[in-house]
């Protein structure tokens, strides 16, 4: 099954980002394809390399980057939401890219399921 995900919560605000990441890892382990994760609203905060959690806490941004590196999952950050939050191309963590809502629509068309995490 081909899956698209949308994350609309920040990495340390609610459980949505952790749940989306764990869902993606479990889906890949079961042989499904996670073609794209689209970060929207406060979800764009998952993409900044400026995130520095304490050493004893999980580093959600690095987890997403590793998912891209290991499984070629497309990590797309909404351009409008990013601009509203001061996130520019220069501060993106490895594996993330900025694009428009067309990428979310494309994912909804091409994926068998589009699963959303967050409000």
PDB file of N, CA and C in Angstrom:
ATOM      1  N   UNK A   1       0.834  -1.176   0.000  1.00  0.00           N
ATOM      2  CA  UNK A   1       0.000   0.000   0.000  1.00  0.00           C
ATOM      3  C   UNK A   1       0.880   1.241   0.000  1.00  0.00           C
ATOM      4  N   UNK A   2       0.514   2.224  -0.776  1.00  0.00           N
ATOM      5  CA  UNK A   2       1.242   3.486  -0.841  1.00  0.00           C
ATOM      6  C   UNK A   2       0.547   4.495   0.072  1.00  0.00           C
ATOM      7  N   UNK A   3       1.324   5.078   1.000  1.00  0.00           N
ATOM      8  CA  UNK A   3       0.777   5.989   1.997  1.00  0.00           C
ATOM      9  C   UNK A   3       1.368   7.382   1.874  1.00  0.00           C
ATOM     10  N   UNK A   4       0.534   8.370   2.134  1.00  0.00           N
ATOM     11  CA  UNK A   4       0.963   9.749   2.292  1.00  0.00           C
ATOM     12  C   UNK A   4       0.580  10.180   3.697  1.00  0.00           C
ATOM     13  N   UNK A   5       1.429  10.968   4.336  1.00  0.00           N
ATOM     14  CA  UNK A   5       1.149  11.447   5.692  1.00  0.00           C
ATOM     15  C   UNK A   5       1.160  12.962   5.712  1.00  0.00           C
ATOM     16  N   UNK A   6       0.342  13.532   6.588  1.00  0.00           N
ATOM     17  CA  UNK A   6       0.376  14.972   6.835  1.00  0.00           C
ATOM     18  C   UNK A   6       0.514  15.176   8.341  1.00  0.00           C
ATOM     19  N   UNK A   7       1.486  15.999   8.730  1.00  0.00           N
ATOM     20  CA  UNK A   7       1.736  16.305  10.134  1.00  0.00           C
ATOM     21  C   UNK A   7       1.504  17.799  10.327  1.00  0.00           C
ATOM     22  N   UNK A   8       0.589  18.143  11.253  1.00  0.00           N
ATOM     23  CA  UNK A   8       0.261  19.556  11.443  1.00  0.00           C
ATOM     24  C   UNK A   8       0.500  20.055  12.867  1.00  0.00           C
ATOM     25  N   UNK A   9       1.296  19.330  13.631  1.00  0.00           N
ATOM     26  CA  UNK A   9       1.657  19.733  14.990  1.00  0.00           C
ATOM     27  C   UNK A   9       3.177  19.819  15.117  1.00  0.00           C
ATOM     28  N   UNK A  10       3.645  20.684  15.989  1.00  0.00           N
ATOM     29  CA  UNK A  10       5.069  20.828  16.232  1.00  0.00           C
ATOM     30  C   UNK A  10       5.660  19.580  16.881  1.00  0.00           C
ATOM     31  N   UNK A  11       6.971  19.448  16.859  1.00  0.00           N
ATOM     32  CA  UNK A  11       7.613  18.225  17.336  1.00  0.00           C
ATOM     33  C   UNK A  11       7.515  17.983  18.839  1.00  0.00           C
ATOM     34  N   UNK A  12       7.364  19.021  19.625  1.00  0.00           N
ATOM     35  CA  UNK A  12       7.324  18.834  21.075  1.00  0.00           C
ATOM     36  C   UNK A  12       6.063  19.428  21.687  1.00  0.00           C
ATOM     37  N   UNK A  13       5.070  19.721  20.866  1.00  0.00           N
ATOM     38  CA  UNK A  13       3.832  20.324  21.347  1.00  0.00           C
ATOM     39  C   UNK A  13       2.841  19.265  21.800  1.00  0.00           C
ATOM     40  N   UNK A  14       2.564  18.331  20.923  1.00  0.00           N
ATOM     41  CA  UNK A  14       1.632  17.237  21.180  1.00  0.00           C
ATOM     42  C   UNK A  14       2.273  15.936  20.714  1.00  0.00           C
ATOM     43  N   UNK A  15       1.534  14.870  20.751  1.00  0.00           N
ATOM     44  CA  UNK A  15       2.036  13.554  20.387  1.00  0.00           C
ATOM     45  C   UNK A  15       2.024  13.302  18.881  1.00  0.00           C
ATOM     46  N   UNK A  16       1.417  14.197  18.096  1.00  0.00           N
ATOM     47  CA  UNK A  16       1.175  13.939  16.677  1.00  0.00           C
ATOM     48  C   UNK A  16       2.438  13.611  15.891  1.00  0.00           C
ATOM     49  N   UNK A  17       3.516  14.326  16.110  1.00  0.00           N
ATOM     50  CA  UNK A  17       4.739  14.088  15.353  1.00  0.00           C
ATOM     51  C   UNK A  17       5.351  12.731  15.695  1.00  0.00           C
ATOM     52  N   UNK A  18       5.402  12.400  16.984  1.00  0.00           N
ATOM     53  CA  UNK A  18       5.915  11.095  17.395  1.00  0.00           C
ATOM     54  C   UNK A  18       5.055   9.973  16.813  1.00  0.00           C
ATOM     55  N   UNK A  19       3.742  10.148  16.873  1.00  0.00           N
ATOM     56  CA  UNK A  19       2.831   9.127  16.365  1.00  0.00           C
ATOM     57  C   UNK A  19       2.991   8.959  14.859  1.00  0.00           C
ATOM     58  N   UNK A  20       3.115  10.065  14.135  1.00  0.00           N
ATOM     59  CA  UNK A  20       3.306   9.997  12.681  1.00  0.00           C
ATOM     60  C   UNK A  20       4.604   9.280  12.342  1.00  0.00           C
ATOM     61  N   UNK A  21       5.662   9.620  13.043  1.00  0.00           N
ATOM     62  CA  UNK A  21       6.955   8.968  12.800  1.00  0.00           C
ATOM     63  C   UNK A  21       6.860   7.463  13.075  1.00  0.00           C
ATOM     64  N   UNK A  22       6.302   7.093  14.230  1.00  0.00           N
ATOM     65  CA  UNK A  22       6.173   5.674  14.579  1.00  0.00           C
ATOM     66  C   UNK A  22       5.276   4.938  13.591  1.00  0.00           C
ATOM     67  N   UNK A  23       4.229   5.590  13.127  1.00  0.00           N
ATOM     68  CA  UNK A  23       3.349   5.006  12.114  1.00  0.00           C
ATOM     69  C   UNK A  23       4.126   4.744  10.829  1.00  0.00           C
ATOM     70  N   UNK A  24       4.915   5.722  10.399  1.00  0.00           N
ATOM     71  CA  UNK A  24       5.706   5.574   9.171  1.00  0.00           C
ATOM     72  C   UNK A  24       6.690   4.418   9.290  1.00  0.00           C
ATOM     73  N   UNK A  25       7.392   4.344  10.398  1.00  0.00           N
ATOM     74  CA  UNK A  25       8.366   3.265  10.610  1.00  0.00           C
ATOM     75  C   UNK A  25       7.674   1.904  10.602  1.00  0.00           C
ATOM     76  N   UNK A  26       6.535   1.797  11.280  1.00  0.00           N
ATOM     77  CA  UNK A  26       5.802   0.530  11.328  1.00  0.00           C
ATOM     78  C   UNK A  26       5.273   0.150   9.948  1.00  0.00           C
ATOM     79  N   UNK A  27       4.776   1.125   9.208  1.00  0.00           N
ATOM     80  CA  UNK A  27       4.253   0.851   7.865  1.00  0.00           C
ATOM     81  C   UNK A  27       5.358   0.345   6.946  1.00  0.00           C
ATOM     82  N   UNK A  28       6.511   0.981   6.995  1.00  0.00           N
ATOM     83  CA  UNK A  28       7.650   0.557   6.164  1.00  0.00           C
ATOM     84  C   UNK A  28       8.091  -0.855   6.561  1.00  0.00           C
ATOM     85  N   UNK A  29       8.124  -1.120   7.866  1.00  0.00           N
ATOM     86  CA  UNK A  29       8.521  -2.448   8.344  1.00  0.00           C
ATOM     87  C   UNK A  29       7.566  -3.535   7.860  1.00  0.00           C
ATOM     88  N   UNK A  30       6.307  -3.180   7.628  1.00  0.00           N
ATOM     89  CA  UNK A  30       5.312  -4.141   7.140  1.00  0.00           C
ATOM     90  C   UNK A  30       5.285  -4.220   5.608  1.00  0.00           C
ATOM     91  N   UNK A  31       6.188  -3.490   4.952  1.00  0.00           N
ATOM     92  CA  UNK A  31       6.288  -3.574   3.504  1.00  0.00           C
ATOM     93  C   UNK A  31       5.503  -2.527   2.735  1.00  0.00           C
ATOM     94  N   UNK A  32       4.911  -1.570   3.425  1.00  0.00           N
ATOM     95  CA  UNK A  32       4.182  -0.493   2.757  1.00  0.00           C
ATOM     96  C   UNK A  32       5.159   0.607   2.339  1.00  0.00           C
ATOM     97  N   UNK A  33       4.743   1.429   1.407  1.00  0.00           N
ATOM     98  CA  UNK A  33       5.557   2.553   0.956  1.00  0.00           C
ATOM     99  C   UNK A  33       4.990   3.849   1.522  1.00  0.00           C
ATOM    100  N   UNK A  34       5.834   4.595   2.236  1.00  0.00           N
ATOM    101  CA  UNK A  34       5.465   5.940   2.666  1.00  0.00           C
ATOM    102  C   UNK A  34       6.110   6.866   1.655  1.00  0.00           C
ATOM    103  N   UNK A  35       5.308   7.357   0.724  1.00  0.00           N
ATOM    104  CA  UNK A  35       5.845   8.142  -0.378  1.00  0.00           C
ATOM    105  C   UNK A  35       6.194   9.569   0.024  1.00  0.00           C
ATOM    106  N   UNK A  36       5.397  10.151   0.934  1.00  0.00           N
ATOM    107  CA  UNK A  36       5.643  11.550   1.293  1.00  0.00           C
ATOM    108  C   UNK A  36       5.067  11.843   2.669  1.00  0.00           C
ATOM    109  N   UNK A  37       5.771  12.717   3.399  1.00  0.00           N
ATOM    110  CA  UNK A  37       5.237  13.303   4.620  1.00  0.00           C
ATOM    111  C   UNK A  37       5.183  14.802   4.362  1.00  0.00           C
ATOM    112  N   UNK A  38       3.981  15.355   4.479  1.00  0.00           N
ATOM    113  CA  UNK A  38       3.786  16.786   4.251  1.00  0.00           C
ATOM    114  C   UNK A  38       3.603  17.458   5.606  1.00  0.00           C
ATOM    115  N   UNK A  39       4.452  18.433   5.896  1.00  0.00           N
ATOM    116  CA  UNK A  39       4.417  19.156   7.170  1.00  0.00           C
ATOM    117  C   UNK A  39       3.697  20.479   6.959  1.00  0.00           C
ATOM    118  N   UNK A  40       2.615  20.674   7.708  1.00  0.00           N
ATOM    119  CA  UNK A  40       1.706  21.797   7.503  1.00  0.00           C
ATOM    120  C   UNK A  40       1.430  22.474   8.838  1.00  0.00           C
ATOM    121  N   UNK A  41       1.012  23.709   8.830  1.00  0.00           N
ATOM    122  CA  UNK A  41       0.769  24.509  10.037  1.00  0.00           C
ATOM    123  C   UNK A  41       1.993  24.422  10.942  1.00  0.00           C
ATOM    124  N   UNK A  42       1.797  24.181  12.253  1.00  0.00           N
ATOM    125  CA  UNK A  42       2.949  24.093  13.162  1.00  0.00           C
ATOM    126  C   UNK A  42       3.807  22.856  12.907  1.00  0.00           C
ATOM    127  N   UNK A  43       3.325  21.950  12.086  1.00  0.00           N
ATOM    128  CA  UNK A  43       4.116  20.774  11.724  1.00  0.00           C
ATOM    129  C   UNK A  43       5.419  21.128  11.037  1.00  0.00           C
ATOM    130  N   UNK A  44       5.485  22.316  10.439  1.00  0.00           N
ATOM    131  CA  UNK A  44       6.724  22.724   9.770  1.00  0.00           C
ATOM    132  C   UNK A  44       7.884  22.858  10.755  1.00  0.00           C
ATOM    133  N   UNK A  45       7.576  22.993  12.027  1.00  0.00           N
ATOM    134  CA  UNK A  45       8.635  23.093  13.039  1.00  0.00           C
ATOM    135  C   UNK A  45       9.402  21.786  13.194  1.00  0.00           C
ATOM    136  N   UNK A  46       8.885  20.696  12.637  1.00  0.00           N
ATOM    137  CA  UNK A  46       9.604  19.424  12.625  1.00  0.00           C
ATOM    138  C   UNK A  46      10.814  19.457  11.703  1.00  0.00           C
ATOM    139  N   UNK A  47      10.918  20.465  10.871  1.00  0.00           N
ATOM    140  CA  UNK A  47      11.924  20.483   9.810  1.00  0.00           C
ATOM    141  C   UNK A  47      13.152  21.338  10.104  1.00  0.00           C
ATOM    142  N   UNK A  48      13.175  22.061  11.180  1.00  0.00           N
ATOM    143  CA  UNK A  48      14.285  22.982  11.401  1.00  0.00           C
ATOM    144  C   UNK A  48      15.472  22.313  12.102  1.00  0.00           C
ATOM    145  N   UNK A  49      16.640  22.531  11.546  1.00  0.00           N
ATOM    146  CA  UNK A  49      17.865  21.980  12.145  1.00  0.00           C
ATOM    147  C   UNK A  49      18.272  22.756  13.395  1.00  0.00           C
ATOM    148  N   UNK A  50      17.576  23.844  13.693  1.00  0.00           N
ATOM    149  CA  UNK A  50      17.878  24.646  14.876  1.00  0.00           C
ATOM    150  C   UNK A  50      17.318  24.037  16.158  1.00  0.00           C
ATOM    151  N   UNK A  51      16.547  22.971  16.033  1.00  0.00           N
ATOM    152  CA  UNK A  51      15.991  22.288  17.200  1.00  0.00           C
ATOM    153  C   UNK A  51      17.115  21.604  17.978  1.00  0.00           C
ATOM    154  N   UNK A  52      17.198  21.893  19.267  1.00  0.00           N
ATOM    155  CA  UNK A  52      18.227  21.271  20.105  1.00  0.00           C
ATOM    156  C   UNK A  52      17.601  20.797  21.419  1.00  0.00           C
ATOM    157  N   UNK A  53      17.009  19.600  21.406  1.00  0.00           N
ATOM    158  CA  UNK A  53      16.424  19.078  22.646  1.00  0.00           C
ATOM    159  C   UNK A  53      17.519  18.673  23.627  1.00  0.00           C
ATOM    160  N   UNK A  54      17.163  18.538  24.904  1.00  0.00           N
ATOM    161  CA  UNK A  54      18.139  18.067  25.886  1.00  0.00           C
ATOM    162  C   UNK A  54      18.686  16.693  25.493  1.00  0.00           C
ATOM    163  N   UNK A  55      19.878  16.364  25.956  1.00  0.00           N
ATOM    164  CA  UNK A  55      20.539  15.120  25.577  1.00  0.00           C
ATOM    165  C   UNK A  55      19.738  13.870  25.937  1.00  0.00           C
ATOM    166  N   UNK A  56      18.945  13.946  26.999  1.00  0.00           N
ATOM    167  CA  UNK A  56      18.193  12.763  27.426  1.00  0.00           C
ATOM    168  C   UNK A  56      16.806  12.680  26.780  1.00  0.00           C
ATOM    169  N   UNK A  57      16.515  13.564  25.844  1.00  0.00           N
ATOM    170  CA  UNK A  57      15.220  13.574  25.158  1.00  0.00           C
ATOM    171  C   UNK A  57      15.394  13.091  23.725  1.00  0.00           C
ATOM    172  N   UNK A  58      14.330  12.642  23.109  1.00  0.00           N
ATOM    173  CA  UNK A  58      14.376  12.207  21.715  1.00  0.00           C
ATOM    174  C   UNK A  58      14.560  13.423  20.811  1.00  0.00           C
ATOM    175  N   UNK A  59      15.223  13.221  19.692  1.00  0.00           N
ATOM    176  CA  UNK A  59      15.455  14.299  18.718  1.00  0.00           C
ATOM    177  C   UNK A  59      14.591  13.991  17.500  1.00  0.00           C
ATOM    178  N   UNK A  60      13.377  14.507  17.524  1.00  0.00           N
ATOM    179  CA  UNK A  60      12.389  14.175  16.497  1.00  0.00           C
ATOM    180  C   UNK A  60      12.845  14.599  15.106  1.00  0.00           C
ATOM    181  N   UNK A  61      13.457  15.762  14.994  1.00  0.00           N
ATOM    182  CA  UNK A  61      13.923  16.246  13.693  1.00  0.00           C
ATOM    183  C   UNK A  61      14.929  15.267  13.095  1.00  0.00           C
ATOM    184  N   UNK A  62      15.871  14.804  13.893  1.00  0.00           N
ATOM    185  CA  UNK A  62      16.860  13.836  13.404  1.00  0.00           C
ATOM    186  C   UNK A  62      16.211  12.518  12.995  1.00  0.00           C
ATOM    187  N   UNK A  63      15.137  12.138  13.688  1.00  0.00           N
ATOM    188  CA  UNK A  63      14.425  10.915  13.309  1.00  0.00           C
ATOM    189  C   UNK A  63      13.843  11.041  11.902  1.00  0.00           C
ATOM    190  N   UNK A  64      13.215  12.183  11.636  1.00  0.00           N
ATOM    191  CA  UNK A  64      12.652  12.396  10.295  1.00  0.00           C
ATOM    192  C   UNK A  64      13.760  12.393   9.243  1.00  0.00           C
ATOM    193  N   UNK A  65      14.869  13.054   9.525  1.00  0.00           N
ATOM    194  CA  UNK A  65      15.986  13.082   8.570  1.00  0.00           C
ATOM    195  C   UNK A  65      16.499  11.671   8.293  1.00  0.00           C
ATOM    196  N   UNK A  66      16.590  10.855   9.329  1.00  0.00           N
ATOM    197  CA  UNK A  66      17.054   9.472   9.160  1.00  0.00           C
ATOM    198  C   UNK A  66      16.055   8.661   8.331  1.00  0.00           C
ATOM    199  N   UNK A  67      14.762   8.924   8.503  1.00  0.00           N
ATOM    200  CA  UNK A  67      13.747   8.221   7.708  1.00  0.00           C
ATOM    201  C   UNK A  67      13.927   8.540   6.230  1.00  0.00           C
ATOM    202  N   UNK A  68      14.238   9.778   5.939  1.00  0.00           N
ATOM    203  CA  UNK A  68      14.512  10.174   4.555  1.00  0.00           C
ATOM    204  C   UNK A  68      15.767   9.489   4.035  1.00  0.00           C
ATOM    205  N   UNK A  69      16.818   9.504   4.824  1.00  0.00           N
ATOM    206  CA  UNK A  69      18.088   8.921   4.389  1.00  0.00           C
ATOM    207  C   UNK A  69      17.986   7.400   4.203  1.00  0.00           C
ATOM    208  N   UNK A  70      17.286   6.734   5.099  1.00  0.00           N
ATOM    209  CA  UNK A  70      17.214   5.271   5.073  1.00  0.00           C
ATOM    210  C   UNK A  70      16.183   4.727   4.089  1.00  0.00           C
ATOM    211  N   UNK A  71      15.094   5.467   3.875  1.00  0.00           N
ATOM    212  CA  UNK A  71      13.983   4.928   3.087  1.00  0.00           C
ATOM    213  C   UNK A  71      13.519   5.845   1.960  1.00  0.00           C
ATOM    214  N   UNK A  72      14.236   6.926   1.742  1.00  0.00           N
ATOM    215  CA  UNK A  72      13.923   7.869   0.652  1.00  0.00           C
ATOM    216  C   UNK A  72      12.499   8.425   0.739  1.00  0.00           C
ATOM    217  N   UNK A  73      12.000   8.619   1.964  1.00  0.00           N
ATOM    218  CA  UNK A  73      10.685   9.227   2.158  1.00  0.00           C
ATOM    219  C   UNK A  73      10.811  10.721   1.876  1.00  0.00           C
ATOM    220  N   UNK A  74       9.944  11.235   1.017  1.00  0.00           N
ATOM    221  CA  UNK A  74       9.938  12.644   0.644  1.00  0.00           C
ATOM    222  C   UNK A  74       9.373  13.461   1.806  1.00  0.00           C
ATOM    223  N   UNK A  75      10.169  14.370   2.370  1.00  0.00           N
ATOM    224  CA  UNK A  75       9.759  15.208   3.492  1.00  0.00           C
ATOM    225  C   UNK A  75       9.532  16.627   2.978  1.00  0.00           C
ATOM    226  N   UNK A  76       8.270  17.025   2.868  1.00  0.00           N
ATOM    227  CA  UNK A  76       7.915  18.308   2.249  1.00  0.00           C
ATOM    228  C   UNK A  76       7.350  19.255   3.298  1.00  0.00           C
ATOM    229  N   UNK A  77       7.870  20.465   3.313  1.00  0.00           N
ATOM    230  CA  UNK A  77       7.460  21.507   4.243  1.00  0.00           C
ATOM    231  C   UNK A  77       6.647  22.542   3.469  1.00  0.00           C
ATOM    232  N   UNK A  78       5.448  22.868   3.960  1.00  0.00           N
ATOM    233  CA  UNK A  78       4.593  23.856   3.305  1.00  0.00           C
ATOM    234  C   UNK A  78       5.269  25.222   3.314  1.00  0.00           C
ATOM    235  N   UNK A  79       5.417  25.815   2.143  1.00  0.00           N
ATOM    236  CA  UNK A  79       6.121  27.083   2.010  1.00  0.00           C
ATOM    237  C   UNK A  79       5.429  28.211   2.776  1.00  0.00           C
ATOM    238  N   UNK A  80       4.116  28.313   2.678  1.00  0.00           N
ATOM    239  CA  UNK A  80       3.398  29.400   3.348  1.00  0.00           C
ATOM    240  C   UNK A  80       3.474  29.265   4.866  1.00  0.00           C
ATOM    241  N   UNK A  81       3.267  28.053   5.373  1.00  0.00           N
ATOM    242  CA  UNK A  81       3.344  27.817   6.814  1.00  0.00           C
ATOM    243  C   UNK A  81       4.762  28.064   7.324  1.00  0.00           C
ATOM    244  N   UNK A  82       5.759  27.673   6.542  1.00  0.00           N
ATOM    245  CA  UNK A  82       7.157  27.892   6.928  1.00  0.00           C
ATOM    246  C   UNK A  82       7.475  29.380   6.995  1.00  0.00           C
ATOM    247  N   UNK A  83       7.052  30.134   5.991  1.00  0.00           N
ATOM    248  CA  UNK A  83       7.324  31.570   5.972  1.00  0.00           C
ATOM    249  C   UNK A  83       6.686  32.267   7.167  1.00  0.00           C
ATOM    250  N   UNK A  84       5.477  31.858   7.522  1.00  0.00           N
ATOM    251  CA  UNK A  84       4.795  32.465   8.670  1.00  0.00           C
ATOM    252  C   UNK A  84       5.544  32.211   9.976  1.00  0.00           C
ATOM    253  N   UNK A  85       6.331  31.165  10.009  1.00  0.00           N
ATOM    254  CA  UNK A  85       7.044  30.796  11.230  1.00  0.00           C
ATOM    255  C   UNK A  85       8.542  31.064  11.136  1.00  0.00           C
ATOM    256  N   UNK A  86       8.955  31.791  10.118  1.00  0.00           N
ATOM    257  CA  UNK A  86      10.356  32.191   9.980  1.00  0.00           C
ATOM    258  C   UNK A  86      11.291  31.086   9.548  1.00  0.00           C
ATOM    259  N   UNK A  87      10.753  30.021   8.977  1.00  0.00           N
ATOM    260  CA  UNK A  87      11.589  28.909   8.533  1.00  0.00           C
ATOM    261  C   UNK A  87      11.899  29.087   7.058  1.00  0.00           C
ATOM    262  N   UNK A  88      13.177  29.144   6.752  1.00  0.00           N
ATOM    263  CA  UNK A  88      13.634  29.298   5.378  1.00  0.00           C
ATOM    264  C   UNK A  88      14.499  28.094   5.005  1.00  0.00           C
ATOM    265  N   UNK A  89      14.786  27.999   3.741  1.00  0.00           N
ATOM    266  CA  UNK A  89      15.566  26.873   3.206  1.00  0.00           C
ATOM    267  C   UNK A  89      16.861  26.653   3.989  1.00  0.00           C
ATOM    268  N   UNK A  90      17.512  27.729   4.418  1.00  0.00           N
ATOM    269  CA  UNK A  90      18.813  27.627   5.095  1.00  0.00           C
ATOM    270  C   UNK A  90      18.751  26.899   6.433  1.00  0.00           C
ATOM    271  N   UNK A  91      17.590  26.884   7.074  1.00  0.00           N
ATOM    272  CA  UNK A  91      17.505  26.268   8.398  1.00  0.00           C
ATOM    273  C   UNK A  91      16.874  24.876   8.362  1.00  0.00           C
ATOM    274  N   UNK A  92      16.613  24.355   7.183  1.00  0.00           N
ATOM    275  CA  UNK A  92      16.025  23.022   7.094  1.00  0.00           C
ATOM    276  C   UNK A  92      17.042  21.948   7.462  1.00  0.00           C
ATOM    277  N   UNK A  93      16.565  20.950   8.175  1.00  0.00           N
ATOM    278  CA  UNK A  93      17.393  19.796   8.504  1.00  0.00           C
ATOM    279  C   UNK A  93      17.583  18.957   7.236  1.00  0.00           C
ATOM    280  N   UNK A  94      18.584  18.102   7.211  1.00  0.00           N
ATOM    281  CA  UNK A  94      18.805  17.253   6.031  1.00  0.00           C
ATOM    282  C   UNK A  94      17.569  16.420   5.682  1.00  0.00           C
ATOM    283  N   UNK A  95      17.295  16.331   4.387  1.00  0.00           N
ATOM    284  CA  UNK A  95      16.197  15.518   3.902  1.00  0.00           C
ATOM    285  C   UNK A  95      14.890  16.256   3.692  1.00  0.00           C
ATOM    286  N   UNK A  96      14.764  17.442   4.251  1.00  0.00           N
ATOM    287  CA  UNK A  96      13.542  18.227   4.106  1.00  0.00           C
ATOM    288  C   UNK A  96      13.658  19.170   2.914  1.00  0.00           C
ATOM    289  N   UNK A  97      12.515  19.483   2.306  1.00  0.00           N
ATOM    290  CA  UNK A  97      12.485  20.481   1.245  1.00  0.00           C
ATOM    291  C   UNK A  97      11.208  21.294   1.374  1.00  0.00           C
ATOM    292  N   UNK A  98      11.252  22.518   0.881  1.00  0.00           N
ATOM    293  CA  UNK A  98      10.098  23.414   0.927  1.00  0.00           C
ATOM    294  C   UNK A  98       9.372  23.357  -0.408  1.00  0.00           C
ATOM    295  N   UNK A  99       8.039  23.271  -0.337  1.00  0.00           N
ATOM    296  CA  UNK A  99       7.215  23.284  -1.544  1.00  0.00           C
ATOM    297  C   UNK A  99       5.810  23.730  -1.160  1.00  0.00           C
ATOM    298  N   UNK A 100       4.916  23.732  -2.128  1.00  0.00           N
ATOM    299  CA  UNK A 100       3.565  24.230  -1.900  1.00  0.00           C
ATOM    300  C   UNK A 100       2.549  23.143  -1.618  1.00  0.00           C
ATOM    301  N   UNK A 101       1.303  23.584  -1.430  1.00  0.00           N
ATOM    302  CA  UNK A 101       0.209  22.663  -1.137  1.00  0.00           C
ATOM    303  C   UNK A 101      -0.062  21.678  -2.261  1.00  0.00           C
ATOM    304  N   UNK A 102       0.407  21.981  -3.447  1.00  0.00           N
ATOM    305  CA  UNK A 102       0.251  21.052  -4.561  1.00  0.00           C
ATOM    306  C   UNK A 102       0.850  19.692  -4.251  1.00  0.00           C
ATOM    307  N   UNK A 103       1.909  19.669  -3.428  1.00  0.00           N
ATOM    308  CA  UNK A 103       2.538  18.401  -3.042  1.00  0.00           C
ATOM    309  C   UNK A 103       1.616  17.569  -2.152  1.00  0.00           C
ATOM    310  N   UNK A 104       0.811  18.248  -1.323  1.00  0.00           N
ATOM    311  CA  UNK A 104      -0.163  17.533  -0.498  1.00  0.00           C
ATOM    312  C   UNK A 104      -1.272  16.959  -1.381  1.00  0.00           C
ATOM    313  N   UNK A 105      -1.753  17.761  -2.320  1.00  0.00           N
ATOM    314  CA  UNK A 105      -2.779  17.296  -3.250  1.00  0.00           C
ATOM    315  C   UNK A 105      -2.257  16.117  -4.067  1.00  0.00           C
ATOM    316  N   UNK A 106      -1.039  16.231  -4.553  1.00  0.00           N
ATOM    317  CA  UNK A 106      -0.418  15.161  -5.327  1.00  0.00           C
ATOM    318  C   UNK A 106      -0.331  13.871  -4.506  1.00  0.00           C
ATOM    319  N   UNK A 107       0.030  14.012  -3.255  1.00  0.00           N
ATOM    320  CA  UNK A 107       0.124  12.845  -2.379  1.00  0.00           C
ATOM    321  C   UNK A 107      -1.253  12.211  -2.187  1.00  0.00           C
ATOM    322  N   UNK A 108      -2.260  13.035  -2.014  1.00  0.00           N
ATOM    323  CA  UNK A 108      -3.617  12.529  -1.863  1.00  0.00           C
ATOM    324  C   UNK A 108      -4.113  11.791  -3.095  1.00  0.00           C
ATOM    325  N   UNK A 109      -3.671  12.214  -4.258  1.00  0.00           N
ATOM    326  CA  UNK A 109      -4.074  11.573  -5.513  1.00  0.00           C
ATOM    327  C   UNK A 109      -3.319  10.270  -5.729  1.00  0.00           C
ATOM    328  N   UNK A 110      -2.020  10.284  -5.500  1.00  0.00           N
ATOM    329  CA  UNK A 110      -1.177   9.129  -5.823  1.00  0.00           C
ATOM    330  C   UNK A 110      -1.152   8.047  -4.750  1.00  0.00           C
ATOM    331  N   UNK A 111      -1.407   8.415  -3.508  1.00  0.00           N
ATOM    332  CA  UNK A 111      -1.362   7.434  -2.419  1.00  0.00           C
ATOM    333  C   UNK A 111      -2.688   6.684  -2.323  1.00  0.00           C
ATOM    334  N   UNK A 112      -2.610   5.467  -1.804  1.00  0.00           N
ATOM    335  CA  UNK A 112      -3.832   4.711  -1.523  1.00  0.00           C
ATOM    336  C   UNK A 112      -4.561   5.299  -0.321  1.00  0.00           C
ATOM    337  N   UNK A 113      -3.802   5.839   0.622  1.00  0.00           N
ATOM    338  CA  UNK A 113      -4.364   6.474   1.811  1.00  0.00           C
ATOM    339  C   UNK A 113      -3.531   7.698   2.162  1.00  0.00           C
ATOM    340  N   UNK A 114      -4.215   8.750   2.590  1.00  0.00           N
ATOM    341  CA  UNK A 114      -3.562   9.941   3.143  1.00  0.00           C
ATOM    342  C   UNK A 114      -3.971  10.015   4.596  1.00  0.00           C
ATOM    343  N   UNK A 115      -2.992   9.875   5.492  1.00  0.00           N
ATOM    344  CA  UNK A 115      -3.257   9.821   6.927  1.00  0.00           C
ATOM    345  C   UNK A 115      -2.775  11.117   7.566  1.00  0.00           C
ATOM    346  N   UNK A 116      -3.627  11.756   8.368  1.00  0.00           N
ATOM    347  CA  UNK A 116      -3.267  13.022   8.977  1.00  0.00           C
ATOM    348  C   UNK A 116      -3.004  12.847  10.470  1.00  0.00           C
ATOM    349  N   UNK A 117      -2.057  13.628  10.969  1.00  0.00           N
ATOM    350  CA  UNK A 117      -1.686  13.599  12.377  1.00  0.00           C
ATOM    351  C   UNK A 117      -1.684  15.031  12.893  1.00  0.00           C
ATOM    352  N   UNK A 118      -2.499  15.299  13.895  1.00  0.00           N
ATOM    353  CA  UNK A 118      -2.628  16.648  14.443  1.00  0.00           C
ATOM    354  C   UNK A 118      -3.965  17.250  14.079  1.00  0.00           C
ATOM    355  N   UNK A 119      -4.163  18.478  14.520  1.00  0.00           N
ATOM    356  CA  UNK A 119      -5.449  19.167  14.270  1.00  0.00           C
ATOM    357  C   UNK A 119      -5.706  19.404  12.819  1.00  0.00           C
TER     358      UNK A 119
END
